[in-house]
Protein backbone atom coordinates (compact mmCIF):
# COMPACT_ATOMS: atom_id res chain seq x y z
CA MET A 1 34.02 244.32 -9.18
CA MET A 2 34.17 241.67 -11.69
CA GLN A 3 32.57 242.11 -14.99
CA MET A 4 30.32 239.17 -16.11
CA SER A 5 33.16 238.57 -19.06
CA GLU A 6 35.62 237.37 -16.30
CA LEU A 7 33.29 234.92 -14.66
CA ALA A 8 32.97 233.21 -18.62
CA PRO A 9 34.93 230.25 -17.59
CA TYR A 10 32.88 229.70 -14.88
CA MET A 11 29.55 230.01 -16.61
CA TRP A 12 27.25 226.73 -17.59
CA GLN A 13 24.89 227.28 -20.50
CA PRO A 14 23.31 223.99 -21.48
CA GLY A 15 21.05 225.36 -24.21
CA TRP A 16 17.95 224.32 -22.66
CA ALA A 17 15.50 224.86 -19.79
CA ALA A 18 18.19 223.92 -16.87
CA ALA A 19 17.81 227.05 -14.92
CA TRP A 20 13.67 226.69 -14.70
CA VAL A 21 14.63 222.92 -13.93
CA VAL A 22 16.83 224.46 -10.88
CA LEU A 23 13.99 226.64 -10.02
CA ALA A 24 11.45 223.91 -10.16
CA LEU A 25 13.60 221.58 -8.11
CA LEU A 26 14.08 224.26 -5.46
CA THR A 27 10.33 225.28 -5.57
CA ALA A 28 9.54 221.47 -5.12
CA GLN A 29 11.87 220.85 -2.07
CA ARG A 30 10.18 224.00 -0.47
CA LEU A 31 6.63 222.91 -0.88
CA LEU A 32 7.64 219.28 0.44
CA GLU A 33 9.15 220.90 3.57
CA LEU A 34 6.06 222.89 4.17
CA VAL A 35 4.04 219.60 4.11
CA TYR A 36 6.63 217.68 6.25
CA ALA A 37 6.90 221.14 8.61
CA GLN A 38 3.09 220.91 8.77
CA HIS A 39 2.91 217.35 9.75
CA ASN A 40 5.52 217.58 12.11
CA THR A 41 3.67 220.77 13.89
CA LYS A 42 0.25 219.23 14.12
CA ARG A 43 1.67 216.26 15.70
CA LEU A 44 3.61 218.25 18.27
CA LEU A 45 0.93 220.82 19.23
CA ALA A 46 -1.14 217.56 19.50
CA ARG A 47 1.09 216.49 22.20
CA GLY A 48 0.56 219.76 24.15
CA ALA A 49 3.64 221.89 22.71
CA THR A 50 3.18 225.61 22.35
CA GLU A 51 3.77 227.55 19.11
CA HIS A 52 5.81 230.98 19.75
CA GLY A 53 6.31 233.92 17.34
CA ARG A 54 2.86 233.34 15.38
CA SER A 55 2.69 236.70 14.45
CA HIS A 56 5.88 236.90 12.65
CA TYR A 57 5.22 233.79 10.74
CA PRO A 58 2.76 235.24 7.77
CA LEU A 59 6.03 237.83 7.13
CA MET A 60 8.66 234.92 7.05
CA VAL A 61 6.57 233.25 4.37
CA GLY A 62 5.81 236.42 2.73
CA ILE A 63 9.76 236.85 2.47
CA HIS A 64 10.51 233.19 1.09
CA ALA A 65 7.43 233.06 -1.73
CA SER A 66 8.59 236.48 -2.68
CA PHE A 67 12.17 235.33 -2.97
CA LEU A 68 10.95 232.30 -5.30
CA LEU A 69 8.35 234.64 -7.27
CA ALA A 70 11.45 237.30 -7.91
CA LEU A 71 13.83 234.12 -9.04
CA TRP A 72 11.16 232.84 -11.36
CA LEU A 73 10.05 236.24 -12.74
CA SER A 74 13.59 237.33 -13.48
CA THR A 75 15.38 234.22 -14.88
CA PRO A 76 14.80 233.11 -18.67
CA PRO A 77 14.87 229.32 -18.71
CA ASP A 78 17.97 228.87 -20.80
CA ALA A 79 19.91 231.21 -18.36
CA PRO A 80 23.69 230.59 -17.69
CA MET A 81 24.54 229.54 -14.41
CA LEU A 82 27.78 229.69 -12.18
CA TRP A 83 28.45 226.09 -11.75
CA PRO A 84 30.97 226.78 -8.89
CA LEU A 85 27.89 227.94 -7.04
CA LEU A 86 25.51 225.12 -8.24
CA ILE A 87 28.17 223.46 -6.06
CA VAL A 88 27.94 225.13 -3.37
CA PHE A 89 23.98 225.00 -3.39
CA ALA A 90 24.27 221.26 -3.65
CA LEU A 91 26.51 221.24 -0.77
CA LEU A 92 24.23 223.59 1.03
CA GLN A 93 21.56 221.09 0.53
CA ILE A 94 23.45 218.36 2.11
CA ALA A 95 23.73 220.59 5.24
CA ARG A 96 19.92 221.12 5.16
CA LEU A 97 19.50 217.67 5.16
CA TRP A 98 21.62 217.29 7.84
CA VAL A 99 19.46 219.84 9.91
CA LEU A 100 16.45 217.72 9.23
CA ALA A 101 17.75 214.32 9.92
CA THR A 102 19.41 215.73 13.19
CA LEU A 103 15.50 217.04 14.13
CA GLY A 104 13.65 214.43 12.74
CA PRO A 105 10.08 214.80 14.02
CA TYR A 106 10.97 218.32 15.76
CA TRP A 107 11.96 220.07 12.47
CA THR A 108 9.02 222.33 11.91
CA THR A 109 8.78 226.17 9.84
CA ARG A 110 7.30 227.44 13.06
CA ILE A 111 8.96 227.79 16.57
CA ILE A 112 7.25 224.89 18.56
CA SER A 113 8.53 224.24 22.11
CA SER A 114 7.37 221.97 25.10
CA PRO A 115 9.33 221.34 28.30
CA ASP A 116 9.16 217.54 27.27
CA PHE A 117 11.21 217.99 24.23
CA PRO A 118 14.88 217.25 24.45
CA ARG A 119 17.38 219.87 23.75
CA ILE A 120 18.89 218.72 20.25
CA SER A 121 22.74 219.18 20.43
CA GLY A 122 23.85 216.47 18.10
CA GLY A 123 24.25 217.03 14.47
CA PRO A 124 25.16 220.39 13.14
CA TYR A 125 23.92 221.48 16.44
CA ARG A 126 27.44 220.61 17.90
CA LEU A 127 28.99 222.99 15.55
CA VAL A 128 26.90 225.89 15.52
CA ARG A 129 23.47 227.53 16.87
CA HIS A 130 20.39 227.59 14.46
CA PRO A 131 22.56 226.01 11.83
CA ASN A 132 19.02 226.07 9.43
CA TYR A 133 19.00 229.84 9.69
CA TRP A 134 22.90 229.44 8.44
CA VAL A 135 21.88 227.27 5.79
CA VAL A 136 18.61 229.46 4.29
CA THR A 137 20.97 232.63 4.69
CA LEU A 138 23.71 231.19 2.42
CA GLU A 139 20.85 229.92 0.26
CA ILE A 140 19.50 233.12 -0.19
CA LEU A 141 22.56 234.80 -0.94
CA THR A 142 24.03 231.81 -3.32
CA ILE A 143 21.02 230.91 -5.24
CA PRO A 144 20.46 234.10 -7.08
CA LEU A 145 24.17 234.72 -7.56
CA ILE A 146 23.81 231.27 -9.76
CA PHE A 147 21.84 233.09 -12.02
CA GLY A 148 23.79 236.78 -11.74
CA HIS A 149 20.68 238.58 -9.86
CA VAL A 150 22.83 240.45 -7.52
CA GLN A 151 20.21 242.52 -6.71
CA ILE A 152 18.00 239.96 -5.73
CA ALA A 153 20.46 238.30 -3.42
CA ALA A 154 21.26 241.72 -2.18
CA LEU A 155 17.65 242.66 -1.34
CA TRP A 156 16.48 239.00 0.21
CA THR A 157 19.48 238.84 1.90
CA VAL A 158 18.83 241.97 4.21
CA LEU A 159 14.94 240.86 4.12
CA ASN A 160 16.16 237.47 5.56
CA PHE A 161 18.32 239.06 8.28
CA GLY A 162 15.37 241.42 9.29
CA ILE A 163 12.96 238.63 9.94
CA LEU A 164 16.19 236.28 11.41
CA PHE A 165 16.71 239.13 14.04
CA ILE A 166 12.96 238.55 15.14
CA ARG A 167 12.83 235.01 15.13
CA ILE A 168 16.22 234.04 16.74
CA ARG A 169 15.48 236.20 19.62
CA THR A 170 11.80 234.45 19.47
CA GLU A 171 13.31 231.24 19.37
CA ASN A 172 15.90 231.72 22.21
CA VAL A 173 13.08 232.93 24.64
CA ALA A 174 11.37 230.19 23.65
CA LEU A 175 14.07 227.33 24.66
CA ALA A 176 15.28 229.78 27.62
CA ARG A 177 11.36 229.21 29.19
CA ARG A 178 11.50 225.67 27.77
CA GLU A 179 14.58 224.61 30.31
CA ARG A 180 13.17 226.95 32.89
CA GLN A 181 9.81 224.81 32.99
CA LYS A 182 11.63 221.30 32.60
CA PRO A 183 10.69 218.67 35.61
CA VAL A 184 13.78 218.43 37.95
CA ALA A 185 14.26 214.79 38.23
């Protein structure tokens, strides 16, 4: 296992509260995404869509909120950061935006479905199933490691896998049901 001294060439310590700036940007991004998701959810439900997996949604929110809280409580404002992982995180944000742009008004943090909705197969969905979950999983692994928080990365990656196991199964059932309910042309 690598020692922190071996990582020194890859550490960036600007001497100001850069770590908290990164965490503040991450937190603001998540809050803005929740507002966008809530807007889309209300609009889709008003169009007759159905929510699936409502019972596990609070657990997912709790996992993500506690992840951010753990980062804030464990990271000093001037914490050194692994700059290569900052670059990985920036690339993940590009992937996240690609997912959001591809789903557009259908992007939510909940599982919302209707037979009238199109099956999205463009953008990152051409390459992998559930690309947003890939991005989130890699973020949960990467963000804590930027600050050297191996335990946070490990614990919340396991928690995330647990909720994704439930969530992906629920989403796949909703998608299959939607395909069966589609009107025949």
